[in-house]
C-alpha cells in the first residue's frame, strides 16, 4: 500500500525560525501548537483549496511535505524540523 504524503502550509519566516531552534510549533496562521492542540496537515488533493481559502493574502507561503509513515502520535503533537 502506498503511503500518502501529508502537507503543512506555513509562513516561510515561521519555518526558518523553527530551523534555528530545532522545532516547529505553529499549528496554523497566528496559532501555535499549544493554542490549537495539533498541527494542521492536508493531503495533496486538498492543499490548493486550503491555500486559496486561508493563505491567499500571505506572501511568504511555504509548503512542507512529510511522509505519513514518519509521523507518530507523539510527533503529530510536535513535529520536529528535519524529521
Protein backbone atom coordinates (compact mmCIF):
# COMPACT_ATOMS: atom_id res chain seq x y z
CA UNK A 1 0.00 0.00 0.00
CA UNK A 2 1.38 3.41 -0.99
CA UNK A 3 1.99 5.91 1.77
CA UNK A 4 0.26 9.20 1.09
CA UNK A 5 2.27 12.37 1.61
CA UNK A 6 0.96 15.00 4.01
CA UNK A 7 1.49 18.73 3.63
CA UNK A 8 1.55 21.66 6.01
CA UNK A 9 1.32 25.22 4.70
CA UNK A 10 3.46 27.62 6.68
CA UNK A 11 4.88 31.09 6.58
CA UNK A 12 8.48 30.97 5.45
CA UNK A 13 9.54 33.08 8.42
CA UNK A 14 7.96 30.57 10.84
CA UNK A 15 9.71 27.65 9.14
CA UNK A 16 13.07 29.46 9.17
CA UNK A 17 12.65 30.30 12.86
CA UNK A 18 11.89 26.64 13.56
CA UNK A 19 15.06 25.62 11.77
CA UNK A 20 17.06 27.87 14.08
CA UNK A 21 15.52 26.49 17.30
CA UNK A 22 15.09 22.89 16.11
CA UNK A 23 11.31 22.53 16.48
CA UNK A 24 8.30 23.70 14.50
CA UNK A 25 5.38 24.57 16.79
CA UNK A 26 2.99 26.54 14.58
CA UNK A 27 -0.42 24.98 14.04
CA UNK A 28 -1.85 27.37 11.50
CA UNK A 29 -1.89 31.10 10.79
CA UNK A 30 -1.23 33.01 14.01
CA UNK A 31 -1.93 29.91 16.18
CA UNK A 32 0.68 27.81 17.94
CA UNK A 33 0.61 24.10 18.61
CA UNK A 34 -0.08 24.87 22.27
CA UNK A 35 -3.05 27.08 21.40
CA UNK A 36 -4.62 24.76 18.83
CA UNK A 37 -3.61 21.37 20.22
CA UNK A 38 -2.42 19.98 16.87
CA UNK A 39 -0.67 20.96 13.66
CA UNK A 40 -2.88 21.29 10.60
CA UNK A 41 -1.95 18.88 7.78
CA UNK A 42 -3.55 18.20 4.39
CA UNK A 43 -3.35 15.56 1.71
CA UNK A 44 -2.05 16.78 -1.67
CA UNK A 45 -5.54 16.87 -3.17
CA UNK A 46 -6.65 19.45 -0.55
CA UNK A 47 -3.60 21.74 -0.45
CA UNK A 48 -4.75 24.09 -3.25
CA UNK A 49 -8.14 24.67 -1.61
CA UNK A 50 -6.57 25.34 1.79
CA UNK A 51 -4.01 27.69 0.25
CA UNK A 52 -6.66 29.58 -1.71
CA UNK A 53 -9.03 29.86 1.24
CA UNK A 54 -6.68 30.72 4.10
CA UNK A 55 -3.35 31.80 2.61
CA UNK A 56 -4.31 33.92 -0.42
CA UNK A 57 -3.09 37.10 1.33
CA UNK A 58 0.21 35.57 2.53
CA UNK A 59 3.31 36.49 0.53
CA UNK A 60 5.84 34.18 2.18
CA UNK A 61 3.94 30.88 1.97
CA UNK A 62 5.89 27.63 2.13
CA UNK A 63 4.55 24.11 1.75
CA UNK A 64 6.33 21.49 3.79
CA UNK A 65 5.72 17.87 2.95
CA UNK A 66 6.22 14.78 5.04
CA UNK A 67 5.66 11.08 4.65
CA UNK A 68 2.67 9.86 6.63
CA UNK A 69 4.69 6.83 7.73
CA UNK A 70 7.16 9.12 9.54
CA UNK A 71 4.53 10.79 11.74
CA UNK A 72 3.80 9.05 15.01
CA UNK A 73 1.13 10.04 17.50
CA UNK A 74 3.79 11.83 19.53
CA UNK A 75 5.21 13.71 16.58
CA UNK A 76 1.74 14.80 15.50
CA UNK A 77 1.79 16.80 18.72
CA UNK A 78 5.20 18.27 17.97
CA UNK A 79 6.73 17.93 14.52
CA UNK A 80 10.50 18.23 14.70
CA UNK A 81 12.37 20.08 11.96
CA UNK A 82 14.31 17.73 9.75
CA UNK A 83 12.44 14.66 10.96
